Amino acid sequence: MTQVSIIDLIAGVNSGYLASFPTDTVPALAVLPERAQLIFKAKQRSQDKPLILMGATPDSLWPFVTGSADEWRIWQQVALSYWPGALTLVLPASELVPSAMNPTDTTTIGLRVPKCVIAQSILSQTGPLATTSANLSGQPPLRTMAEIEQHFPDVLISSPDLPAIEPSLGLPSTVIKWTANGWETLRQGAVKLEF
């Protein structure tokens, strides 16, 4: 049985185990960033598909990126407008990002702050986590904790009887990347942006 209380899930994550919990989009698979390889293995995911670093607050994520003062102002303005929410920002990675997060391109990192009380509560106690949708690579995202438990029997799963679980949007996050020419949309998801 992999369904556990939030307290036990947090303890498990902090001990290096894979976990799954609700977010404002689709349920996440999550692990400490330095153990990101566990996600690639569990999902049978290609190394060229980087993971997202999810945090409880923007301030918990900014140490993982590096840029000029002007770039920081632009990035923080977008974050202020859309976080917490279903927007992932792909930015230049600082030396704090473990190479396991993005094995084929260690120069960038995707960041997100979910608009979900449960996810924020977990992330506030674990620190930022390596995350992705809970599914086998190339398959649709799994929607329920029962489905996740069936496909990932070794993953710690937040107990389904939690109060006030927000309904998820069911769409993945929108992903935008900072480039020399400004923002580029990599994936259109739940958030619509205009640049």
N, C-alpha and C. Protein backbone atom coordinates (compact mmCIF):
# COMPACT_ATOMS: atom_id res chain seq x y z
N MET A 1 0.85 -1.19 0.00
CA MET A 1 0.00 0.00 0.00
C MET A 1 0.88 1.24 0.00
N THR A 2 0.72 2.09 -0.99
CA THR A 2 1.60 3.25 -1.09
C THR A 2 0.92 4.55 -0.67
N GLN A 3 -0.39 4.50 -0.37
CA GLN A 3 -1.05 5.73 0.07
C GLN A 3 -0.65 6.04 1.50
N VAL A 4 -0.18 7.26 1.72
CA VAL A 4 0.33 7.64 3.03
C VAL A 4 -0.20 9.02 3.39
N SER A 5 -0.06 9.37 4.65
CA SER A 5 -0.44 10.71 5.10
C SER A 5 0.54 11.73 4.52
N ILE A 6 0.12 12.99 4.52
CA ILE A 6 1.00 14.06 4.03
C ILE A 6 2.30 14.10 4.84
N ILE A 7 2.20 13.90 6.15
CA ILE A 7 3.39 13.93 7.01
C ILE A 7 4.37 12.83 6.59
N ASP A 8 3.84 11.62 6.36
CA ASP A 8 4.70 10.51 5.95
C ASP A 8 5.23 10.71 4.53
N LEU A 9 4.42 11.31 3.66
CA LEU A 9 4.88 11.59 2.30
C LEU A 9 6.05 12.56 2.33
N ILE A 10 5.93 13.62 3.12
CA ILE A 10 7.01 14.61 3.23
C ILE A 10 8.28 13.96 3.78
N ALA A 11 8.11 13.12 4.82
CA ALA A 11 9.27 12.43 5.39
C ALA A 11 9.91 11.51 4.36
N GLY A 12 9.08 10.83 3.57
CA GLY A 12 9.59 9.95 2.53
C GLY A 12 10.35 10.70 1.46
N VAL A 13 9.79 11.81 1.01
CA VAL A 13 10.47 12.63 0.00
C VAL A 13 11.81 13.12 0.54
N ASN A 14 11.80 13.60 1.75
CA ASN A 14 13.05 14.10 2.34
C ASN A 14 14.09 13.00 2.54
N SER A 15 13.63 11.73 2.55
CA SER A 15 14.54 10.59 2.64
C SER A 15 14.95 10.07 1.27
N GLY A 16 14.43 10.70 0.19
CA GLY A 16 14.87 10.35 -1.15
C GLY A 16 13.91 9.50 -1.96
N TYR A 17 12.67 9.29 -1.46
CA TYR A 17 11.71 8.47 -2.18
C TYR A 17 10.92 9.30 -3.21
N LEU A 18 10.44 8.60 -4.25
CA LEU A 18 9.53 9.20 -5.21
C LEU A 18 8.15 9.34 -4.58
N ALA A 19 7.45 10.43 -4.92
CA ALA A 19 6.11 10.65 -4.38
C ALA A 19 5.21 11.22 -5.46
N SER A 20 3.91 11.16 -5.22
CA SER A 20 2.93 11.78 -6.11
C SER A 20 1.91 12.52 -5.27
N PHE A 21 1.55 13.73 -5.75
CA PHE A 21 0.56 14.53 -5.04
C PHE A 21 -0.17 15.41 -6.04
N PRO A 22 -1.36 15.92 -5.65
CA PRO A 22 -2.13 16.77 -6.57
C PRO A 22 -1.43 18.11 -6.80
N THR A 23 -1.69 18.70 -7.96
CA THR A 23 -1.28 20.08 -8.24
C THR A 23 -2.48 20.78 -8.85
N ASP A 24 -2.29 22.00 -9.34
CA ASP A 24 -3.38 22.74 -9.97
C ASP A 24 -3.58 22.33 -11.43
N THR A 25 -2.72 21.44 -11.94
CA THR A 25 -2.89 20.98 -13.33
C THR A 25 -3.19 19.49 -13.30
N VAL A 26 -2.17 18.66 -13.37
CA VAL A 26 -2.33 17.21 -13.26
C VAL A 26 -1.47 16.73 -12.10
N PRO A 27 -1.77 15.54 -11.53
CA PRO A 27 -0.95 15.06 -10.42
C PRO A 27 0.52 14.96 -10.82
N ALA A 28 1.38 15.23 -9.86
CA ALA A 28 2.83 15.25 -10.11
C ALA A 28 3.50 14.00 -9.58
N LEU A 29 4.56 13.60 -10.26
CA LEU A 29 5.58 12.72 -9.68
C LEU A 29 6.68 13.65 -9.22
N ALA A 30 7.20 13.41 -8.02
CA ALA A 30 8.17 14.35 -7.46
C ALA A 30 9.25 13.62 -6.67
N VAL A 31 10.43 14.24 -6.65
CA VAL A 31 11.55 13.68 -5.90
C VAL A 31 12.56 14.82 -5.64
N LEU A 32 13.44 14.62 -4.68
CA LEU A 32 14.50 15.61 -4.46
C LEU A 32 15.28 15.81 -5.76
N PRO A 33 15.66 17.05 -6.08
CA PRO A 33 16.32 17.32 -7.37
C PRO A 33 17.54 16.45 -7.64
N GLU A 34 18.34 16.19 -6.62
CA GLU A 34 19.56 15.40 -6.83
C GLU A 34 19.25 13.92 -7.11
N ARG A 35 17.99 13.51 -6.89
CA ARG A 35 17.57 12.13 -7.17
C ARG A 35 16.64 12.06 -8.39
N ALA A 36 16.73 13.07 -9.25
CA ALA A 36 15.83 13.18 -10.40
C ALA A 36 15.86 11.96 -11.31
N GLN A 37 16.99 11.23 -11.31
CA GLN A 37 17.11 10.05 -12.16
C GLN A 37 16.01 9.03 -11.85
N LEU A 38 15.52 9.02 -10.61
CA LEU A 38 14.44 8.09 -10.24
C LEU A 38 13.18 8.34 -11.08
N ILE A 39 12.91 9.60 -11.41
CA ILE A 39 11.74 9.91 -12.24
C ILE A 39 11.94 9.39 -13.65
N PHE A 40 13.12 9.65 -14.22
CA PHE A 40 13.39 9.17 -15.57
C PHE A 40 13.21 7.65 -15.66
N LYS A 41 13.69 6.95 -14.64
CA LYS A 41 13.59 5.49 -14.63
C LYS A 41 12.14 5.04 -14.47
N ALA A 42 11.42 5.61 -13.50
CA ALA A 42 10.04 5.19 -13.23
C ALA A 42 9.12 5.44 -14.43
N LYS A 43 9.34 6.57 -15.10
CA LYS A 43 8.47 6.94 -16.24
C LYS A 43 8.94 6.36 -17.57
N GLN A 44 10.13 5.73 -17.57
CA GLN A 44 10.76 5.29 -18.82
C GLN A 44 10.88 6.50 -19.76
N ARG A 45 11.37 7.59 -19.19
CA ARG A 45 11.41 8.88 -19.88
C ARG A 45 12.77 9.11 -20.53
N SER A 46 12.77 9.66 -21.72
CA SER A 46 14.00 9.97 -22.43
C SER A 46 14.77 11.05 -21.67
N GLN A 47 16.10 10.93 -21.67
CA GLN A 47 16.96 11.89 -20.96
C GLN A 47 16.88 13.30 -21.56
N ASP A 48 16.39 13.42 -22.80
CA ASP A 48 16.33 14.75 -23.41
C ASP A 48 15.02 15.48 -23.10
N LYS A 49 14.22 14.94 -22.19
CA LYS A 49 13.00 15.62 -21.74
C LYS A 49 13.22 16.07 -20.30
N PRO A 50 13.58 17.33 -20.10
CA PRO A 50 13.94 17.80 -18.75
C PRO A 50 12.74 17.81 -17.80
N LEU A 51 13.06 17.83 -16.53
CA LEU A 51 12.05 17.89 -15.47
C LEU A 51 11.84 19.35 -15.06
N ILE A 52 10.76 19.58 -14.33
CA ILE A 52 10.44 20.92 -13.82
C ILE A 52 10.80 20.98 -12.34
N LEU A 53 11.39 22.08 -11.93
CA LEU A 53 11.66 22.32 -10.52
C LEU A 53 10.47 23.10 -9.96
N MET A 54 9.72 22.44 -9.08
CA MET A 54 8.51 23.05 -8.52
C MET A 54 8.78 23.50 -7.09
N GLY A 55 8.36 24.72 -6.77
CA GLY A 55 8.58 25.24 -5.43
C GLY A 55 7.32 25.84 -4.83
N ALA A 56 7.33 26.04 -3.52
CA ALA A 56 6.17 26.61 -2.83
C ALA A 56 6.03 28.10 -3.08
N THR A 57 7.16 28.78 -3.33
CA THR A 57 7.16 30.23 -3.54
C THR A 57 8.18 30.59 -4.62
N PRO A 58 8.02 31.75 -5.27
CA PRO A 58 9.06 32.19 -6.21
C PRO A 58 10.43 32.30 -5.53
N ASP A 59 10.46 32.82 -4.31
CA ASP A 59 11.74 33.02 -3.63
C ASP A 59 12.51 31.72 -3.42
N SER A 60 11.77 30.60 -3.33
CA SER A 60 12.46 29.31 -3.16
C SER A 60 13.11 28.84 -4.45
N LEU A 61 12.68 29.41 -5.59
CA LEU A 61 13.18 28.97 -6.90
C LEU A 61 14.25 29.87 -7.50
N TRP A 62 14.24 31.16 -7.17
CA TRP A 62 15.17 32.09 -7.82
C TRP A 62 16.64 31.71 -7.66
N PRO A 63 17.08 31.08 -6.56
CA PRO A 63 18.50 30.71 -6.47
C PRO A 63 18.95 29.73 -7.57
N PHE A 64 18.00 29.08 -8.23
CA PHE A 64 18.35 28.07 -9.22
C PHE A 64 18.52 28.65 -10.63
N VAL A 65 18.39 29.98 -10.76
CA VAL A 65 18.58 30.61 -12.08
C VAL A 65 19.62 31.72 -11.99
N THR A 66 20.13 32.09 -13.16
CA THR A 66 21.13 33.16 -13.22
C THR A 66 20.88 34.03 -14.44
N GLY A 67 21.06 35.33 -14.29
CA GLY A 67 20.84 36.25 -15.40
C GLY A 67 21.23 37.66 -15.04
N SER A 68 21.06 38.56 -16.00
CA SER A 68 21.38 39.97 -15.77
C SER A 68 20.29 40.64 -14.95
N ALA A 69 20.58 41.83 -14.46
CA ALA A 69 19.59 42.57 -13.68
C ALA A 69 18.33 42.84 -14.50
N ASP A 70 18.50 43.19 -15.77
CA ASP A 70 17.34 43.43 -16.63
C ASP A 70 16.52 42.17 -16.82
N GLU A 71 17.20 41.03 -17.02
CA GLU A 71 16.48 39.76 -17.18
C GLU A 71 15.71 39.41 -15.92
N TRP A 72 16.35 39.61 -14.77
CA TRP A 72 15.67 39.31 -13.50
C TRP A 72 14.38 40.12 -13.37
N ARG A 73 14.42 41.38 -13.75
CA ARG A 73 13.21 42.22 -13.66
C ARG A 73 12.09 41.65 -14.53
N ILE A 74 12.44 41.25 -15.75
CA ILE A 74 11.44 40.69 -16.67
C ILE A 74 10.88 39.38 -16.11
N TRP A 75 11.76 38.50 -15.67
CA TRP A 75 11.32 37.19 -15.16
C TRP A 75 10.43 37.36 -13.94
N GLN A 76 10.83 38.23 -13.04
CA GLN A 76 10.06 38.40 -11.81
C GLN A 76 8.71 39.05 -12.08
N GLN A 77 8.64 39.91 -13.10
CA GLN A 77 7.35 40.52 -13.46
C GLN A 77 6.38 39.46 -13.98
N VAL A 78 6.87 38.55 -14.83
CA VAL A 78 6.02 37.47 -15.33
C VAL A 78 5.60 36.56 -14.18
N ALA A 79 6.54 36.22 -13.31
CA ALA A 79 6.22 35.37 -12.16
C ALA A 79 5.17 36.03 -11.27
N LEU A 80 5.30 37.33 -11.05
CA LEU A 80 4.35 38.07 -10.23
C LEU A 80 2.95 38.02 -10.83
N SER A 81 2.88 38.03 -12.16
CA SER A 81 1.59 38.03 -12.85
C SER A 81 0.93 36.66 -12.89
N TYR A 82 1.71 35.58 -12.93
CA TYR A 82 1.14 34.26 -13.20
C TYR A 82 1.38 33.20 -12.12
N TRP A 83 2.24 33.47 -11.15
CA TRP A 83 2.47 32.51 -10.07
C TRP A 83 1.78 32.95 -8.81
N PRO A 84 1.23 32.06 -8.00
CA PRO A 84 1.16 30.64 -8.31
C PRO A 84 0.18 30.38 -9.46
N GLY A 85 0.50 29.38 -10.26
CA GLY A 85 -0.35 29.06 -11.40
C GLY A 85 0.31 28.11 -12.36
N ALA A 86 -0.40 27.85 -13.46
CA ALA A 86 -0.02 26.80 -14.41
C ALA A 86 0.91 27.32 -15.50
N LEU A 87 1.98 28.00 -15.07
CA LEU A 87 2.98 28.51 -16.00
C LEU A 87 4.36 28.06 -15.56
N THR A 88 5.09 27.45 -16.49
CA THR A 88 6.47 27.04 -16.26
C THR A 88 7.40 27.98 -17.02
N LEU A 89 8.37 28.55 -16.32
CA LEU A 89 9.37 29.42 -16.93
C LEU A 89 10.66 28.64 -17.10
N VAL A 90 11.16 28.55 -18.33
CA VAL A 90 12.45 27.91 -18.59
C VAL A 90 13.50 29.01 -18.68
N LEU A 91 14.42 29.00 -17.72
CA LEU A 91 15.38 30.08 -17.56
C LEU A 91 16.81 29.52 -17.48
N PRO A 92 17.82 30.39 -17.62
CA PRO A 92 19.21 29.92 -17.49
C PRO A 92 19.46 29.36 -16.09
N ALA A 93 20.01 28.14 -16.02
CA ALA A 93 20.22 27.46 -14.75
C ALA A 93 21.47 27.94 -14.03
N SER A 94 21.37 28.07 -12.71
CA SER A 94 22.55 28.36 -11.90
C SER A 94 23.27 27.05 -11.58
N GLU A 95 24.41 27.17 -10.92
CA GLU A 95 25.19 25.99 -10.58
C GLU A 95 24.51 25.14 -9.51
N LEU A 96 23.41 25.64 -8.90
CA LEU A 96 22.70 24.88 -7.88
C LEU A 96 21.83 23.77 -8.46
N VAL A 97 21.55 23.82 -9.77
CA VAL A 97 20.67 22.83 -10.38
C VAL A 97 21.45 21.54 -10.64
N PRO A 98 21.02 20.42 -10.05
CA PRO A 98 21.71 19.15 -10.32
C PRO A 98 21.59 18.78 -11.80
N SER A 99 22.65 18.26 -12.37
CA SER A 99 22.63 17.90 -13.79
C SER A 99 21.58 16.85 -14.10
N ALA A 100 21.17 16.07 -13.10
CA ALA A 100 20.16 15.03 -13.30
C ALA A 100 18.80 15.62 -13.69
N MET A 101 18.57 16.90 -13.41
CA MET A 101 17.29 17.53 -13.75
C MET A 101 17.11 17.67 -15.26
N ASN A 102 18.20 17.91 -15.97
CA ASN A 102 18.16 18.14 -17.42
C ASN A 102 19.46 17.58 -18.00
N PRO A 103 19.56 16.24 -18.08
CA PRO A 103 20.85 15.60 -18.39
C PRO A 103 21.48 16.03 -19.71
N THR A 104 20.68 16.36 -20.72
CA THR A 104 21.26 16.69 -22.03
C THR A 104 21.48 18.18 -22.24
N ASP A 105 21.00 19.02 -21.31
CA ASP A 105 21.23 20.47 -21.42
C ASP A 105 21.19 21.08 -20.03
N THR A 106 22.33 21.13 -19.38
CA THR A 106 22.39 21.61 -18.00
C THR A 106 22.34 23.13 -17.90
N THR A 107 22.16 23.81 -19.04
CA THR A 107 22.18 25.28 -19.03
C THR A 107 20.82 25.91 -18.72
N THR A 108 19.74 25.11 -18.74
CA THR A 108 18.42 25.67 -18.47
C THR A 108 17.68 24.84 -17.43
N ILE A 109 16.67 25.49 -16.81
CA ILE A 109 15.82 24.80 -15.83
C ILE A 109 14.41 25.38 -15.92
N GLY A 110 13.42 24.51 -15.89
CA GLY A 110 12.02 24.93 -15.86
C GLY A 110 11.57 25.09 -14.41
N LEU A 111 10.91 26.21 -14.13
CA LEU A 111 10.47 26.52 -12.76
C LEU A 111 8.96 26.73 -12.73
N ARG A 112 8.32 26.29 -11.62
CA ARG A 112 6.89 26.52 -11.47
C ARG A 112 6.49 26.56 -10.01
N VAL A 113 5.51 27.43 -9.70
CA VAL A 113 4.88 27.49 -8.38
C VAL A 113 3.41 27.13 -8.59
N PRO A 114 2.95 25.98 -8.10
CA PRO A 114 1.57 25.56 -8.35
C PRO A 114 0.57 26.32 -7.48
N LYS A 115 -0.63 26.48 -8.01
CA LYS A 115 -1.71 27.12 -7.25
C LYS A 115 -2.57 26.02 -6.65
N CYS A 116 -2.00 25.37 -5.64
CA CYS A 116 -2.63 24.21 -5.01
C CYS A 116 -2.14 24.16 -3.57
N VAL A 117 -3.06 24.23 -2.62
CA VAL A 117 -2.69 24.30 -1.21
C VAL A 117 -1.90 23.07 -0.78
N ILE A 118 -2.34 21.88 -1.23
CA ILE A 118 -1.65 20.65 -0.84
C ILE A 118 -0.22 20.65 -1.37
N ALA A 119 -0.06 20.94 -2.66
CA ALA A 119 1.28 20.96 -3.25
C ALA A 119 2.16 21.99 -2.56
N GLN A 120 1.62 23.18 -2.31
CA GLN A 120 2.42 24.22 -1.65
C GLN A 120 2.81 23.81 -0.23
N SER A 121 1.90 23.13 0.47
CA SER A 121 2.20 22.68 1.83
C SER A 121 3.34 21.67 1.81
N ILE A 122 3.29 20.72 0.87
CA ILE A 122 4.36 19.72 0.76
C ILE A 122 5.68 20.40 0.39
N LEU A 123 5.65 21.25 -0.63
CA LEU A 123 6.87 21.89 -1.13
C LEU A 123 7.48 22.84 -0.11
N SER A 124 6.66 23.43 0.75
CA SER A 124 7.19 24.33 1.77
C SER A 124 8.01 23.56 2.81
N GLN A 125 7.75 22.24 2.91
CA GLN A 125 8.46 21.43 3.90
C GLN A 125 9.56 20.56 3.30
N THR A 126 9.55 20.43 1.97
CA THR A 126 10.61 19.63 1.33
C THR A 126 11.63 20.51 0.62
N GLY A 127 11.24 21.76 0.32
CA GLY A 127 12.03 22.57 -0.58
C GLY A 127 11.65 22.21 -2.01
N PRO A 128 12.19 22.92 -3.00
CA PRO A 128 11.84 22.64 -4.39
C PRO A 128 12.13 21.19 -4.77
N LEU A 129 11.22 20.63 -5.57
CA LEU A 129 11.34 19.24 -5.99
C LEU A 129 11.39 19.13 -7.52
N ALA A 130 12.09 18.10 -7.99
CA ALA A 130 12.04 17.72 -9.40
C ALA A 130 10.67 17.10 -9.65
N THR A 131 9.95 17.59 -10.65
CA THR A 131 8.59 17.11 -10.89
C THR A 131 8.31 16.91 -12.37
N THR A 132 7.27 16.14 -12.62
CA THR A 132 6.70 15.94 -13.94
C THR A 132 5.32 15.33 -13.73
N SER A 133 4.57 15.17 -14.81
CA SER A 133 3.25 14.56 -14.68
C SER A 133 3.40 13.08 -14.33
N ALA A 134 2.39 12.57 -13.61
CA ALA A 134 2.41 11.17 -13.19
C ALA A 134 1.84 10.29 -14.30
N ASN A 135 2.71 9.73 -15.10
CA ASN A 135 2.33 8.84 -16.19
C ASN A 135 3.60 8.23 -16.78
N LEU A 136 3.42 7.13 -17.50
CA LEU A 136 4.54 6.60 -18.27
C LEU A 136 4.78 7.54 -19.44
N SER A 137 6.03 7.69 -19.83
CA SER A 137 6.38 8.63 -20.88
C SER A 137 5.59 8.33 -22.16
N GLY A 138 5.00 9.37 -22.74
CA GLY A 138 4.24 9.23 -23.97
C GLY A 138 2.78 8.88 -23.76
N GLN A 139 2.39 8.56 -22.53
CA GLN A 139 1.00 8.21 -22.20
C GLN A 139 0.30 9.44 -21.62
N PRO A 140 -1.05 9.48 -21.66
CA PRO A 140 -1.77 10.61 -21.08
C PRO A 140 -1.51 10.68 -19.57
N PRO A 141 -1.55 11.90 -19.00
CA PRO A 141 -1.37 12.04 -17.56
C PRO A 141 -2.44 11.25 -16.79
N LEU A 142 -2.02 10.58 -15.73
CA LEU A 142 -2.97 9.88 -14.87
C LEU A 142 -3.70 10.91 -14.02
N ARG A 143 -4.99 10.68 -13.77
CA ARG A 143 -5.83 11.69 -13.11
C ARG A 143 -6.12 11.39 -11.64
N THR A 144 -6.15 10.11 -11.28
CA THR A 144 -6.56 9.77 -9.92
C THR A 144 -5.42 9.09 -9.17
N MET A 145 -5.49 9.17 -7.86
CA MET A 145 -4.48 8.52 -7.03
C MET A 145 -4.53 7.00 -7.22
N ALA A 146 -5.73 6.43 -7.46
CA ALA A 146 -5.85 4.99 -7.69
C ALA A 146 -5.11 4.58 -8.96
N GLU A 147 -5.23 5.36 -10.02
CA GLU A 147 -4.51 5.07 -11.27
C GLU A 147 -3.01 5.16 -11.05
N ILE A 148 -2.59 6.18 -10.32
CA ILE A 148 -1.16 6.37 -10.08
C ILE A 148 -0.61 5.19 -9.27
N GLU A 149 -1.38 4.77 -8.26
CA GLU A 149 -0.94 3.64 -7.43
C GLU A 149 -0.81 2.36 -8.27
N GLN A 150 -1.72 2.18 -9.23
CA GLN A 150 -1.68 1.00 -10.09
C GLN A 150 -0.45 1.00 -10.99
N HIS A 151 -0.13 2.16 -11.57
CA HIS A 151 0.99 2.26 -12.52
C HIS A 151 2.35 2.41 -11.83
N PHE A 152 2.34 3.00 -10.64
CA PHE A 152 3.59 3.25 -9.91
C PHE A 152 3.47 2.72 -8.48
N PRO A 153 3.51 1.38 -8.32
CA PRO A 153 3.24 0.79 -7.00
C PRO A 153 4.28 1.14 -5.93
N ASP A 154 5.46 1.59 -6.33
CA ASP A 154 6.50 1.90 -5.35
C ASP A 154 6.54 3.38 -4.96
N VAL A 155 5.67 4.19 -5.54
CA VAL A 155 5.67 5.63 -5.29
C VAL A 155 4.77 5.96 -4.10
N LEU A 156 5.23 6.84 -3.22
CA LEU A 156 4.40 7.31 -2.11
C LEU A 156 3.32 8.23 -2.67
N ILE A 157 2.08 7.98 -2.30
CA ILE A 157 0.94 8.74 -2.85
C ILE A 157 0.19 9.39 -1.72
N SER A 158 -0.15 10.68 -1.91
CA SER A 158 -0.89 11.37 -0.87
C SER A 158 -2.27 10.74 -0.73
N SER A 159 -2.68 10.55 0.49
CA SER A 159 -3.94 9.91 0.81
C SER A 159 -5.11 10.61 0.10
N PRO A 160 -6.03 9.86 -0.51
CA PRO A 160 -7.09 10.48 -1.30
C PRO A 160 -8.18 11.16 -0.48
N ASP A 161 -8.20 10.94 0.84
CA ASP A 161 -9.29 11.51 1.64
C ASP A 161 -8.91 12.85 2.25
N LEU A 162 -7.97 13.54 1.63
CA LEU A 162 -7.58 14.86 2.13
C LEU A 162 -8.71 15.85 1.94
N PRO A 163 -8.91 16.74 2.89
CA PRO A 163 -9.95 17.75 2.72
C PRO A 163 -9.53 18.82 1.71
N ALA A 164 -10.48 19.38 1.06
CA ALA A 164 -10.28 20.58 0.21
C ALA A 164 -9.26 20.37 -0.88
N ILE A 165 -9.30 19.22 -1.55
CA ILE A 165 -8.43 19.06 -2.72
C ILE A 165 -9.03 19.86 -3.86
N GLU A 166 -8.27 20.83 -4.34
CA GLU A 166 -8.77 21.67 -5.42
C GLU A 166 -8.92 20.85 -6.69
N PRO A 167 -9.98 21.11 -7.47
CA PRO A 167 -10.07 20.41 -8.75
C PRO A 167 -8.95 20.90 -9.66
N SER A 168 -8.28 19.95 -10.32
CA SER A 168 -7.20 20.35 -11.21
C SER A 168 -7.77 20.79 -12.54
N LEU A 169 -6.99 21.56 -13.26
CA LEU A 169 -7.41 22.02 -14.57
C LEU A 169 -7.42 20.89 -15.60
N GLY A 170 -6.66 19.84 -15.30
CA GLY A 170 -6.59 18.72 -16.24
C GLY A 170 -5.69 18.98 -17.43
N LEU A 171 -5.21 20.21 -17.57
CA LEU A 171 -4.27 20.56 -18.63
C LEU A 171 -2.90 20.73 -18.02
N PRO A 172 -1.85 20.38 -18.75
CA PRO A 172 -0.51 20.65 -18.23
C PRO A 172 -0.23 22.16 -18.22
N SER A 173 0.85 22.53 -17.58
CA SER A 173 1.21 23.95 -17.53
C SER A 173 1.66 24.43 -18.91
N THR A 174 1.46 25.72 -19.14
CA THR A 174 2.06 26.37 -20.30
C THR A 174 3.55 26.51 -20.00
N VAL A 175 4.40 26.25 -21.00
CA VAL A 175 5.84 26.34 -20.82
C VAL A 175 6.40 27.41 -21.76
N ILE A 176 7.06 28.41 -21.17
CA ILE A 176 7.72 29.44 -21.97
C ILE A 176 9.21 29.48 -21.62
N LYS A 177 10.03 29.73 -22.64
CA LYS A 177 11.48 29.74 -22.46
C LYS A 177 12.04 31.11 -22.76
N TRP A 178 12.95 31.56 -21.91
CA TRP A 178 13.64 32.83 -22.13
C TRP A 178 14.78 32.61 -23.12
N THR A 179 14.81 33.40 -24.20
CA THR A 179 15.85 33.29 -25.22
C THR A 179 16.47 34.66 -25.45
N ALA A 180 17.47 34.72 -26.31
CA ALA A 180 18.11 36.00 -26.65
C ALA A 180 17.11 36.96 -27.28
N ASN A 181 16.03 36.42 -27.85
CA ASN A 181 15.01 37.25 -28.49
C ASN A 181 13.76 37.43 -27.62
N GLY A 182 13.85 37.08 -26.34
CA GLY A 182 12.68 37.19 -25.46
C GLY A 182 12.03 35.84 -25.25
N TRP A 183 10.74 35.84 -24.93
CA TRP A 183 10.03 34.61 -24.59
C TRP A 183 9.67 33.81 -25.84
N GLU A 184 9.77 32.49 -25.71
CA GLU A 184 9.33 31.56 -26.76
C GLU A 184 8.41 30.54 -26.09
N THR A 185 7.23 30.29 -26.67
CA THR A 185 6.31 29.31 -26.11
C THR A 185 6.71 27.92 -26.57
N LEU A 186 7.02 27.04 -25.60
CA LEU A 186 7.40 25.66 -25.91
C LEU A 186 6.19 24.74 -25.88
N ARG A 187 5.23 25.04 -24.99
CA ARG A 187 4.02 24.23 -24.89
C ARG A 187 2.87 25.11 -24.46
N GLN A 188 1.79 25.10 -25.22
CA GLN A 188 0.60 25.84 -24.82
C GLN A 188 -0.22 24.96 -23.89
N GLY A 189 -0.44 25.41 -22.70
CA GLY A 189 -1.20 24.64 -21.72
C GLY A 189 -2.32 25.47 -21.15
N ALA A 190 -2.46 25.43 -19.83
CA ALA A 190 -3.59 26.03 -19.15
C ALA A 190 -3.58 27.56 -19.17
N VAL A 191 -2.41 28.16 -19.24
CA VAL A 191 -2.29 29.63 -19.19
C VAL A 191 -2.07 30.19 -20.59
N LYS A 192 -2.83 31.22 -20.94
CA LYS A 192 -2.63 31.90 -22.22
C LYS A 192 -1.88 33.21 -21.96
N LEU A 193 -0.76 33.39 -22.65
CA LEU A 193 0.05 34.59 -22.48
C LEU A 193 0.10 35.39 -23.75
N GLU A 194 0.27 36.69 -23.58
CA GLU A 194 0.52 37.57 -24.72
C GLU A 194 1.78 38.35 -24.43
N PHE A 195 2.72 38.32 -25.38
CA PHE A 195 3.99 39.03 -25.19
C PHE A 195 4.00 40.28 -26.04
